[in-house]
Structures are given as C-alpha cells and as structure tokens.
C-alpha cells in the first residue's frame, strides 16, 4: 500500500466576473500559501473584500493583483 498517494493537479481557476472567491481558491490559483496571501493582503498588495468575518476576492481583485505583479493573464470566462 502506498503511504503517499499522488496528488492530482488542481485545474486552473477560471475567473467569472460575478463570482466571489475564497482565500483557499486564491492561494491555489496564485500558487501561494495562506500565510503569503495574508501577508500580501496586509501589505495592500492583494485587494480583497470582507463579507462579515469572511474574506472574499473578486475577479477584478485578482486581475489587479496580476497586473501589478506582472504574473500573466488569468483564464477568463467569456460567457456573460
């Protein structure tokens, strides 16, 4: 029995304009840890929204971050 099963790669996140994303979604999309995500939010580098006690991110927030950091273009859902 294999003690360490292979992890299946996470499919790329497709950004939809009307959808809110969790911190876990953003971390997986950007390939960063939760700690790094929180640090970038605190530094004002990663825009976010607060929904009560929950942190949420919009597609516009992620596009802004990607443009600032020069990390490339996200996959966009063109069907609106």
PDB file of N, CA and C in Angstrom:
ATOM      1  N   UNK A   1       0.838  -1.177   0.000  1.00  0.00           N
ATOM      2  CA  UNK A   1       0.000   0.000   0.000  1.00  0.00           C
ATOM      3  C   UNK A   1       0.887   1.246   0.000  1.00  0.00           C
ATOM      4  N   UNK A   2       0.563   2.180  -0.847  1.00  0.00           N
ATOM      5  CA  UNK A   2       1.349   3.405  -0.999  1.00  0.00           C
ATOM      6  C   UNK A   2       0.996   4.379   0.124  1.00  0.00           C
ATOM      7  N   UNK A   3       1.999   4.770   0.910  1.00  0.00           N
ATOM      8  CA  UNK A   3       1.768   5.697   2.017  1.00  0.00           C
ATOM      9  C   UNK A   3       1.520   7.118   1.530  1.00  0.00           C
ATOM     10  N   UNK A   4       2.066   7.454   0.386  1.00  0.00           N
ATOM     11  CA  UNK A   4       1.962   8.812  -0.140  1.00  0.00           C
ATOM     12  C   UNK A   4       1.323   8.785  -1.524  1.00  0.00           C
ATOM     13  N   UNK A   5       0.003   8.771  -1.576  1.00  0.00           N
ATOM     14  CA  UNK A   5      -0.631   8.745  -2.898  1.00  0.00           C
ATOM     15  C   UNK A   5      -0.340  10.029  -3.661  1.00  0.00           C
ATOM     16  N   UNK A   6      -0.291   9.915  -4.954  1.00  0.00           N
ATOM     17  CA  UNK A   6      -0.028  11.092  -5.784  1.00  0.00           C
ATOM     18  C   UNK A   6      -1.201  12.048  -5.716  1.00  0.00           C
ATOM     19  N   UNK A   7      -0.863  13.302  -5.643  1.00  0.00           N
ATOM     20  CA  UNK A   7      -1.902  14.325  -5.652  1.00  0.00           C
ATOM     21  C   UNK A   7      -2.244  14.646  -7.096  1.00  0.00           C
ATOM     22  N   UNK A   8      -3.517  14.760  -7.361  1.00  0.00           N
ATOM     23  CA  UNK A   8      -3.916  15.161  -8.698  1.00  0.00           C
ATOM     24  C   UNK A   8      -3.807  16.672  -8.784  1.00  0.00           C
ATOM     25  N   UNK A   9      -3.297  17.184  -9.893  1.00  0.00           N
ATOM     26  CA  UNK A   9      -3.145  18.631 -10.008  1.00  0.00           C
ATOM     27  C   UNK A   9      -4.498  19.325  -9.999  1.00  0.00           C
ATOM     28  N   UNK A  10      -4.533  20.491  -9.387  1.00  0.00           N
ATOM     29  CA  UNK A  10      -5.745  21.285  -9.344  1.00  0.00           C
ATOM     30  C   UNK A  10      -5.942  21.936 -10.705  1.00  0.00           C
ATOM     31  N   UNK A  11      -7.172  21.843 -11.241  1.00  0.00           N
ATOM     32  CA  UNK A  11      -7.393  22.501 -12.535  1.00  0.00           C
ATOM     33  C   UNK A  11      -7.273  24.006 -12.383  1.00  0.00           C
ATOM     34  N   UNK A  12      -6.897  24.706 -13.448  1.00  0.00           N
ATOM     35  CA  UNK A  12      -6.748  26.161 -13.342  1.00  0.00           C
ATOM     36  C   UNK A  12      -8.088  26.818 -13.033  1.00  0.00           C
ATOM     37  N   UNK A  13      -8.035  27.862 -12.252  1.00  0.00           N
ATOM     38  CA  UNK A  13      -9.220  28.613 -11.884  1.00  0.00           C
ATOM     39  C   UNK A  13      -9.626  29.491 -13.053  1.00  0.00           C
ATOM     40  N   UNK A  14     -10.874  29.421 -13.424  1.00  0.00           N
ATOM     41  CA  UNK A  14     -11.411  30.285 -14.465  1.00  0.00           C
ATOM     42  C   UNK A  14     -12.164  31.399 -13.750  1.00  0.00           C
ATOM     43  N   UNK A  15     -11.749  32.635 -14.006  1.00  0.00           N
ATOM     44  CA  UNK A  15     -12.336  33.766 -13.298  1.00  0.00           C
ATOM     45  C   UNK A  15     -13.646  34.188 -13.944  1.00  0.00           C
ATOM     46  N   UNK A  16     -14.700  34.222 -13.145  1.00  0.00           N
ATOM     47  CA  UNK A  16     -16.008  34.709 -13.568  1.00  0.00           C
ATOM     48  C   UNK A  16     -16.254  36.041 -12.886  1.00  0.00           C
ATOM     49  N   UNK A  17     -16.655  37.038 -13.639  1.00  0.00           N
ATOM     50  CA  UNK A  17     -16.806  38.391 -13.095  1.00  0.00           C
ATOM     51  C   UNK A  17     -17.769  38.486 -11.915  1.00  0.00           C
ATOM     52  N   UNK A  18     -18.847  37.728 -11.896  1.00  0.00           N
ATOM     53  CA  UNK A  18     -19.833  37.878 -10.829  1.00  0.00           C
ATOM     54  C   UNK A  18     -19.600  36.996  -9.623  1.00  0.00           C
ATOM     55  N   UNK A  19     -18.535  36.251  -9.598  1.00  0.00           N
ATOM     56  CA  UNK A  19     -18.312  35.275  -8.535  1.00  0.00           C
ATOM     57  C   UNK A  19     -17.329  35.795  -7.498  1.00  0.00           C
ATOM     58  N   UNK A  20     -17.551  35.400  -6.243  1.00  0.00           N
ATOM     59  CA  UNK A  20     -16.605  35.707  -5.166  1.00  0.00           C
ATOM     60  C   UNK A  20     -15.780  34.465  -4.889  1.00  0.00           C
ATOM     61  N   UNK A  21     -14.499  34.660  -4.628  1.00  0.00           N
ATOM     62  CA  UNK A  21     -13.576  33.555  -4.396  1.00  0.00           C
ATOM     63  C   UNK A  21     -13.074  33.577  -2.964  1.00  0.00           C
ATOM     64  N   UNK A  22     -12.833  32.394  -2.426  1.00  0.00           N
ATOM     65  CA  UNK A  22     -12.322  32.271  -1.062  1.00  0.00           C
ATOM     66  C   UNK A  22     -10.807  32.427  -1.070  1.00  0.00           C
ATOM     67  N   UNK A  23     -10.261  32.525   0.123  1.00  0.00           N
ATOM     68  CA  UNK A  23      -8.812  32.628   0.242  1.00  0.00           C
ATOM     69  C   UNK A  23      -8.155  31.338  -0.263  1.00  0.00           C
ATOM     70  N   UNK A  24      -8.775  30.205  -0.012  1.00  0.00           N
ATOM     71  CA  UNK A  24      -8.228  28.936  -0.491  1.00  0.00           C
ATOM     72  C   UNK A  24      -8.192  28.901  -2.021  1.00  0.00           C
ATOM     73  N   UNK A  25      -9.248  29.422  -2.670  1.00  0.00           N
ATOM     74  CA  UNK A  25      -9.273  29.495  -4.135  1.00  0.00           C
ATOM     75  C   UNK A  25      -8.120  30.342  -4.648  1.00  0.00           C
ATOM     76  N   UNK A  26      -7.929  31.495  -4.016  1.00  0.00           N
ATOM     77  CA  UNK A  26      -6.890  32.434  -4.451  1.00  0.00           C
ATOM     78  C   UNK A  26      -5.501  31.835  -4.247  1.00  0.00           C
ATOM     79  N   UNK A  27      -5.291  31.183  -3.112  1.00  0.00           N
ATOM     80  CA  UNK A  27      -3.989  30.552  -2.849  1.00  0.00           C
ATOM     81  C   UNK A  27      -3.682  29.488  -3.896  1.00  0.00           C
ATOM     82  N   UNK A  28      -4.678  28.670  -4.234  1.00  0.00           N
ATOM     83  CA  UNK A  28      -4.472  27.628  -5.241  1.00  0.00           C
ATOM     84  C   UNK A  28      -4.217  28.256  -6.612  1.00  0.00           C
ATOM     85  N   UNK A  29      -4.959  29.301  -6.942  1.00  0.00           N
ATOM     86  CA  UNK A  29      -4.817  29.965  -8.232  1.00  0.00           C
ATOM     87  C   UNK A  29      -3.446  30.614  -8.385  1.00  0.00           C
ATOM     88  N   UNK A  30      -2.987  31.298  -7.338  1.00  0.00           N
ATOM     89  CA  UNK A  30      -1.713  32.007  -7.400  1.00  0.00           C
ATOM     90  C   UNK A  30      -0.524  31.123  -7.057  1.00  0.00           C
ATOM     91  N   UNK A  31      -0.779  29.950  -6.492  1.00  0.00           N
ATOM     92  CA  UNK A  31       0.313  29.056  -6.110  1.00  0.00           C
ATOM     93  C   UNK A  31       1.084  29.563  -4.912  1.00  0.00           C
ATOM     94  N   UNK A  32       0.357  30.177  -3.957  1.00  0.00           N
ATOM     95  CA  UNK A  32       0.993  30.710  -2.752  1.00  0.00           C
ATOM     96  C   UNK A  32       0.347  30.082  -1.520  1.00  0.00           C
ATOM     97  N   UNK A  33       1.003  30.219  -0.395  1.00  0.00           N
ATOM     98  CA  UNK A  33       0.455  29.695   0.846  1.00  0.00           C
ATOM     99  C   UNK A  33      -0.534  30.692   1.448  1.00  0.00           C
ATOM    100  N   UNK A  34      -1.315  30.217   2.394  1.00  0.00           N
ATOM    101  CA  UNK A  34      -2.272  31.093   3.079  1.00  0.00           C
ATOM    102  C   UNK A  34      -1.535  32.209   3.817  1.00  0.00           C
ATOM    103  N   UNK A  35      -0.390  31.873   4.391  1.00  0.00           N
ATOM    104  CA  UNK A  35       0.415  32.865   5.102  1.00  0.00           C
ATOM    105  C   UNK A  35       0.864  33.989   4.153  1.00  0.00           C
ATOM    106  N   UNK A  36       1.351  33.612   2.986  1.00  0.00           N
ATOM    107  CA  UNK A  36       1.783  34.598   1.995  1.00  0.00           C
ATOM    108  C   UNK A  36       0.603  35.438   1.536  1.00  0.00           C
ATOM    109  N   UNK A  37      -0.529  34.805   1.327  1.00  0.00           N
ATOM    110  CA  UNK A  37      -1.733  35.520   0.908  1.00  0.00           C
ATOM    111  C   UNK A  37      -2.113  36.579   1.943  1.00  0.00           C
ATOM    112  N   UNK A  38      -2.131  36.198   3.212  1.00  0.00           N
ATOM    113  CA  UNK A  38      -2.478  37.155   4.275  1.00  0.00           C
ATOM    114  C   UNK A  38      -1.449  38.293   4.364  1.00  0.00           C
ATOM    115  N   UNK A  39      -0.186  37.966   4.195  1.00  0.00           N
ATOM    116  CA  UNK A  39       0.846  38.998   4.248  1.00  0.00           C
ATOM    117  C   UNK A  39       0.664  40.008   3.108  1.00  0.00           C
ATOM    118  N   UNK A  40       0.397  39.513   1.918  1.00  0.00           N
ATOM    119  CA  UNK A  40       0.192  40.408   0.774  1.00  0.00           C
ATOM    120  C   UNK A  40      -1.068  41.255   0.940  1.00  0.00           C
ATOM    121  N   UNK A  41      -2.088  40.693   1.574  1.00  0.00           N
ATOM    122  CA  UNK A  41      -3.298  41.471   1.862  1.00  0.00           C
ATOM    123  C   UNK A  41      -2.980  42.576   2.866  1.00  0.00           C
ATOM    124  N   UNK A  42      -2.252  42.229   3.912  1.00  0.00           N
ATOM    125  CA  UNK A  42      -1.905  43.201   4.953  1.00  0.00           C
ATOM    126  C   UNK A  42      -1.038  44.329   4.393  1.00  0.00           C
ATOM    127  N   UNK A  43      -0.153  43.985   3.453  1.00  0.00           N
ATOM    128  CA  UNK A  43       0.715  44.985   2.828  1.00  0.00           C
ATOM    129  C   UNK A  43      -0.016  45.830   1.784  1.00  0.00           C
ATOM    130  N   UNK A  44      -1.262  45.458   1.485  1.00  0.00           N
ATOM    131  CA  UNK A  44      -2.041  46.201   0.490  1.00  0.00           C
ATOM    132  C   UNK A  44      -1.745  45.797  -0.943  1.00  0.00           C
ATOM    133  N   UNK A  45      -1.022  44.710  -1.113  1.00  0.00           N
ATOM    134  CA  UNK A  45      -0.658  44.261  -2.465  1.00  0.00           C
ATOM    135  C   UNK A  45      -1.749  43.418  -3.117  1.00  0.00           C
ATOM    136  N   UNK A  46      -2.539  42.737  -2.302  1.00  0.00           N
ATOM    137  CA  UNK A  46      -3.595  41.856  -2.808  1.00  0.00           C
ATOM    138  C   UNK A  46      -4.942  42.396  -2.336  1.00  0.00           C
ATOM    139  N   UNK A  47      -5.724  42.991  -3.246  1.00  0.00           N
ATOM    140  CA  UNK A  47      -7.015  43.552  -2.846  1.00  0.00           C
ATOM    141  C   UNK A  47      -8.006  42.454  -2.458  1.00  0.00           C
ATOM    142  N   UNK A  48      -8.902  42.764  -1.536  1.00  0.00           N
ATOM    143  CA  UNK A  48      -9.898  41.797  -1.069  1.00  0.00           C
ATOM    144  C   UNK A  48     -11.117  42.534  -0.525  1.00  0.00           C
ATOM    145  N   UNK A  49     -12.149  41.780  -0.220  1.00  0.00           N
ATOM    146  CA  UNK A  49     -13.369  42.294   0.382  1.00  0.00           C
ATOM    147  C   UNK A  49     -13.646  41.509   1.651  1.00  0.00           C
ATOM    148  N   UNK A  50     -14.303  42.162   2.598  1.00  0.00           N
ATOM    149  CA  UNK A  50     -14.741  41.456   3.806  1.00  0.00           C
ATOM    150  C   UNK A  50     -16.248  41.288   3.735  1.00  0.00           C
ATOM    151  N   UNK A  51     -16.701  40.071   3.930  1.00  0.00           N
ATOM    152  CA  UNK A  51     -18.123  39.753   3.971  1.00  0.00           C
ATOM    153  C   UNK A  51     -18.393  39.225   5.373  1.00  0.00           C
ATOM    154  N   UNK A  52     -18.680  40.149   6.294  1.00  0.00           N
ATOM    155  CA  UNK A  52     -18.780  39.754   7.696  1.00  0.00           C
ATOM    156  C   UNK A  52     -17.393  39.371   8.188  1.00  0.00           C
ATOM    157  N   UNK A  53     -17.256  38.132   8.627  1.00  0.00           N
ATOM    158  CA  UNK A  53     -15.952  37.650   9.097  1.00  0.00           C
ATOM    159  C   UNK A  53     -15.159  36.977   7.982  1.00  0.00           C
ATOM    160  N   UNK A  54     -15.774  36.842   6.803  1.00  0.00           N
ATOM    161  CA  UNK A  54     -15.147  36.110   5.710  1.00  0.00           C
ATOM    162  C   UNK A  54     -14.395  37.038   4.768  1.00  0.00           C
ATOM    163  N   UNK A  55     -13.278  36.563   4.269  1.00  0.00           N
ATOM    164  CA  UNK A  55     -12.511  37.285   3.259  1.00  0.00           C
ATOM    165  C   UNK A  55     -12.930  36.764   1.895  1.00  0.00           C
ATOM    166  N   UNK A  56     -13.204  37.664   0.982  1.00  0.00           N
ATOM    167  CA  UNK A  56     -13.603  37.275  -0.367  1.00  0.00           C
ATOM    168  C   UNK A  56     -12.820  38.094  -1.387  1.00  0.00           C
ATOM    169  N   UNK A  57     -12.641  37.506  -2.549  1.00  0.00           N
ATOM    170  CA  UNK A  57     -11.895  38.134  -3.626  1.00  0.00           C
ATOM    171  C   UNK A  57     -12.757  38.104  -4.878  1.00  0.00           C
ATOM    172  N   UNK A  58     -12.699  39.172  -5.657  1.00  0.00           N
ATOM    173  CA  UNK A  58     -13.418  39.208  -6.930  1.00  0.00           C
ATOM    174  C   UNK A  58     -12.429  38.962  -8.064  1.00  0.00           C
ATOM    175  N   UNK A  59     -12.981  38.681  -9.232  1.00  0.00           N
ATOM    176  CA  UNK A  59     -12.125  38.503 -10.411  1.00  0.00           C
ATOM    177  C   UNK A  59     -11.342  39.785 -10.678  1.00  0.00           C
ATOM    178  N   UNK A  60     -11.983  40.944 -10.456  1.00  0.00           N
ATOM    179  CA  UNK A  60     -11.297  42.231 -10.655  1.00  0.00           C
ATOM    180  C   UNK A  60     -10.127  42.378  -9.686  1.00  0.00           C
ATOM    181  N   UNK A  61     -10.308  41.933  -8.428  1.00  0.00           N
ATOM    182  CA  UNK A  61      -9.214  41.975  -7.444  1.00  0.00           C
ATOM    183  C   UNK A  61      -8.019  41.171  -7.944  1.00  0.00           C
ATOM    184  N   UNK A  62      -8.293  39.974  -8.447  1.00  0.00           N
ATOM    185  CA  UNK A  62      -7.206  39.104  -8.904  1.00  0.00           C
ATOM    186  C   UNK A  62      -6.534  39.650 -10.155  1.00  0.00           C
ATOM    187  N   UNK A  63      -7.331  40.214 -11.074  1.00  0.00           N
ATOM    188  CA  UNK A  63      -6.735  40.824 -12.265  1.00  0.00           C
ATOM    189  C   UNK A  63      -5.823  41.987 -11.883  1.00  0.00           C
ATOM    190  N   UNK A  64      -6.287  42.816 -10.940  1.00  0.00           N
ATOM    191  CA  UNK A  64      -5.477  43.947 -10.473  1.00  0.00           C
ATOM    192  C   UNK A  64      -4.155  43.457  -9.903  1.00  0.00           C
ATOM    193  N   UNK A  65      -4.215  42.435  -9.074  1.00  0.00           N
ATOM    194  CA  UNK A  65      -3.004  41.881  -8.471  1.00  0.00           C
ATOM    195  C   UNK A  65      -2.055  41.350  -9.548  1.00  0.00           C
ATOM    196  N   UNK A  66      -2.603  40.606 -10.515  1.00  0.00           N
ATOM    197  CA  UNK A  66      -1.767  40.032 -11.567  1.00  0.00           C
ATOM    198  C   UNK A  66      -1.128  41.115 -12.425  1.00  0.00           C
ATOM    199  N   UNK A  67      -1.859  42.188 -12.682  1.00  0.00           N
ATOM    200  CA  UNK A  67      -1.288  43.298 -13.459  1.00  0.00           C
ATOM    201  C   UNK A  67      -0.169  43.983 -12.692  1.00  0.00           C
ATOM    202  N   UNK A  68      -0.367  44.182 -11.391  1.00  0.00           N
ATOM    203  CA  UNK A  68       0.654  44.834 -10.559  1.00  0.00           C
ATOM    204  C   UNK A  68       1.924  44.013 -10.464  1.00  0.00           C
ATOM    205  N   UNK A  69       1.760  42.707 -10.373  1.00  0.00           N
ATOM    206  CA  UNK A  69       2.920  41.849 -10.161  1.00  0.00           C
ATOM    207  C   UNK A  69       3.506  41.309 -11.462  1.00  0.00           C
ATOM    208  N   UNK A  70       2.796  41.498 -12.568  1.00  0.00           N
ATOM    209  CA  UNK A  70       3.289  41.013 -13.853  1.00  0.00           C
ATOM    210  C   UNK A  70       3.327  39.512 -13.958  1.00  0.00           C
ATOM    211  N   UNK A  71       2.385  38.823 -13.295  1.00  0.00           N
ATOM    212  CA  UNK A  71       2.390  37.360 -13.292  1.00  0.00           C
ATOM    213  C   UNK A  71       1.656  36.746 -14.471  1.00  0.00           C
ATOM    214  N   UNK A  72       1.163  37.538 -15.395  1.00  0.00           N
ATOM    215  CA  UNK A  72       0.499  36.967 -16.565  1.00  0.00           C
ATOM    216  C   UNK A  72      -1.000  37.154 -16.506  1.00  0.00           C
ATOM    217  N   UNK A  73      -1.662  36.589 -17.467  1.00  0.00           N
ATOM    218  CA  UNK A  73      -3.103  36.743 -17.600  1.00  0.00           C
ATOM    219  C   UNK A  73      -3.837  35.530 -17.035  1.00  0.00           C
ATOM    220  N   UNK A  74      -4.901  35.752 -16.265  1.00  0.00           N
ATOM    221  CA  UNK A  74      -5.701  34.642 -15.781  1.00  0.00           C
ATOM    222  C   UNK A  74      -6.602  34.114 -16.891  1.00  0.00           C
ATOM    223  N   UNK A  75      -7.093  32.907 -16.714  1.00  0.00           N
ATOM    224  CA  UNK A  75      -8.090  32.386 -17.631  1.00  0.00           C
ATOM    225  C   UNK A  75      -9.407  33.067 -17.321  1.00  0.00           C
ATOM    226  N   UNK A  76     -10.048  33.586 -18.322  1.00  0.00           N
ATOM    227  CA  UNK A  76     -11.287  34.323 -18.126  1.00  0.00           C
ATOM    228  C   UNK A  76     -12.437  33.580 -18.774  1.00  0.00           C
ATOM    229  N   UNK A  77     -13.578  33.607 -18.111  1.00  0.00           N
ATOM    230  CA  UNK A  77     -14.776  33.035 -18.691  1.00  0.00           C
ATOM    231  C   UNK A  77     -15.445  34.126 -19.510  1.00  0.00           C
ATOM    232  N   UNK A  78     -15.489  33.957 -20.805  1.00  0.00           N
ATOM    233  CA  UNK A  78     -16.014  34.971 -21.696  1.00  0.00           C
ATOM    234  C   UNK A  78     -17.532  34.945 -21.789  1.00  0.00           C
ATOM    235  N   UNK A  79     -18.184  33.897 -21.307  1.00  0.00           N
ATOM    236  CA  UNK A  79     -19.648  33.837 -21.373  1.00  0.00           C
ATOM    237  C   UNK A  79     -20.242  34.670 -20.244  1.00  0.00           C
ATOM    238  N   UNK A  80     -20.995  35.655 -20.601  1.00  0.00           N
ATOM    239  CA  UNK A  80     -21.599  36.545 -19.588  1.00  0.00           C
ATOM    240  C   UNK A  80     -23.082  36.548 -19.753  1.00  0.00           C
TER     241      UNK A  80
END
